[in-house]
Amino acid sequence: ESNQLEIEYNLSKLPEDAVLNLALVERGLVQNIGRGENSGMELHHENVVRSFSSSELRKQAGRVALELPSSVNLDNCSIIGYVQNEDSMEILAASRVEL
């Protein structure tokens, strides 16, 4: 069973040759290490990308679906979105929304 989060976007203008990149990031992840040089340690991770989508921008407004991993805790998540020129890779706009 696949869960999805639908993201609605609205741009003030439509840039040429641009893509909309969306990342679902999760904070507060903890990993207990059982082997290796970090054995016995507890590692804490922030803003881990749990899902990512890149969509060609053809309209000023629309919707994009992000896959949700079954283990994600949405209370600790944010969506980071940024518009990027495909040729130059320049970031044209960015935003972050807490869930």
Protein backbone atom coordinates (compact mmCIF):
# COMPACT_ATOMS: atom_id res chain seq x y z
CA GLU A 1 0.00 0.00 0.00
CA SER A 2 1.43 3.36 -1.06
CA ASN A 3 0.67 6.55 0.81
CA GLN A 4 1.07 9.92 -0.83
CA LEU A 5 1.08 13.53 0.23
CA GLU A 6 -0.39 15.92 -2.33
CA ILE A 7 1.35 19.30 -2.55
CA GLU A 8 -0.39 22.25 -4.19
CA TYR A 9 1.84 24.99 -5.63
CA ASN A 10 1.16 28.45 -7.04
CA LEU A 11 3.90 30.57 -8.65
CA SER A 12 3.72 34.32 -9.21
CA LYS A 13 5.21 33.78 -12.68
CA LEU A 14 6.26 30.77 -14.71
CA PRO A 15 10.02 30.74 -15.37
CA GLU A 16 11.37 29.21 -18.58
CA ASP A 17 13.13 25.82 -18.47
CA ALA A 18 12.44 25.31 -14.79
CA VAL A 19 11.65 22.37 -12.54
CA LEU A 20 9.93 22.21 -9.18
CA ASN A 21 11.86 20.12 -6.67
CA LEU A 22 10.10 18.98 -3.50
CA ALA A 23 11.71 17.22 -0.55
CA LEU A 24 9.96 15.74 2.47
CA VAL A 25 12.46 16.04 5.34
CA GLU A 26 12.18 14.50 8.80
CA ARG A 27 13.83 15.74 12.00
CA GLY A 28 14.76 13.93 15.18
CA LEU A 29 15.71 10.53 13.78
CA VAL A 30 17.82 8.36 16.11
CA GLN A 31 19.94 5.38 15.11
CA ASN A 32 21.54 2.96 17.58
CA ILE A 33 24.80 1.58 16.19
CA GLY A 34 25.52 -2.07 16.98
CA ARG A 35 28.73 -2.67 15.06
CA GLY A 36 31.81 -0.94 13.70
CA GLU A 37 33.78 2.02 14.99
CA ASN A 38 30.60 3.73 16.29
CA SER A 39 29.35 0.60 18.08
CA GLY A 40 27.25 1.44 21.13
CA MET A 41 26.68 5.02 20.04
CA GLU A 42 23.37 6.70 19.40
CA LEU A 43 23.42 8.93 16.31
CA HIS A 44 20.92 11.77 15.90
CA HIS A 45 19.91 12.97 12.43
CA GLU A 46 18.12 16.16 11.37
CA ASN A 47 16.42 17.03 8.07
CA VAL A 48 16.76 13.58 6.53
CA VAL A 49 15.22 13.53 3.03
CA ARG A 50 12.54 10.83 3.18
CA SER A 51 10.97 11.50 -0.23
CA PHE A 52 11.94 13.64 -3.24
CA SER A 53 10.17 14.70 -6.43
CA SER A 54 11.29 16.74 -9.43
CA SER A 55 8.66 17.95 -11.91
CA GLU A 56 8.94 20.03 -15.05
CA LEU A 57 7.00 23.27 -14.60
CA ARG A 58 4.43 23.69 -17.36
CA LYS A 59 1.82 25.70 -15.42
CA GLN A 60 1.92 28.45 -12.80
CA ALA A 61 -0.21 26.39 -10.45
CA GLY A 62 -0.70 22.69 -9.96
CA ARG A 63 -0.34 19.66 -7.72
CA VAL A 64 2.48 17.20 -7.16
CA ALA A 65 2.28 13.93 -5.21
CA LEU A 66 5.10 12.85 -2.88
CA GLU A 67 5.43 9.22 -1.80
CA LEU A 68 5.29 8.76 1.98
CA PRO A 69 7.46 6.02 3.48
CA SER A 70 5.48 3.90 5.96
CA SER A 71 7.94 4.72 8.78
CA VAL A 72 7.75 8.52 8.45
CA ASN A 73 6.40 10.58 11.38
CA LEU A 74 4.67 13.58 9.79
CA ASP A 75 4.70 15.47 13.11
CA ASN A 76 8.48 15.84 12.64
CA CYS A 77 8.41 16.71 8.94
CA SER A 78 8.67 19.69 6.62
CA ILE A 79 8.33 20.13 2.89
CA ILE A 80 11.13 22.05 1.20
CA GLY A 81 10.32 23.24 -2.30
CA TYR A 82 12.53 25.05 -4.75
CA VAL A 83 12.29 26.15 -8.37
CA GLN A 84 15.45 25.51 -10.35
CA ASN A 85 16.58 26.40 -13.87
CA GLU A 86 17.31 23.12 -15.66
CA ASP A 87 20.21 24.50 -17.72
CA SER A 88 22.14 26.71 -15.29
CA MET A 89 20.97 24.86 -12.13
CA GLU A 90 20.33 28.29 -10.55
CA ILE A 91 17.82 28.25 -7.69
CA LEU A 92 15.11 30.79 -8.60
CA ALA A 93 12.88 30.50 -5.53
CA ALA A 94 12.61 28.38 -2.38
CA SER A 95 10.21 27.82 0.49
CA ARG A 96 9.76 25.57 3.52
CA VAL A 97 6.48 24.51 5.15
CA GLU A 98 6.15 22.65 8.46
CA LEU A 99 3.60 19.82 8.45
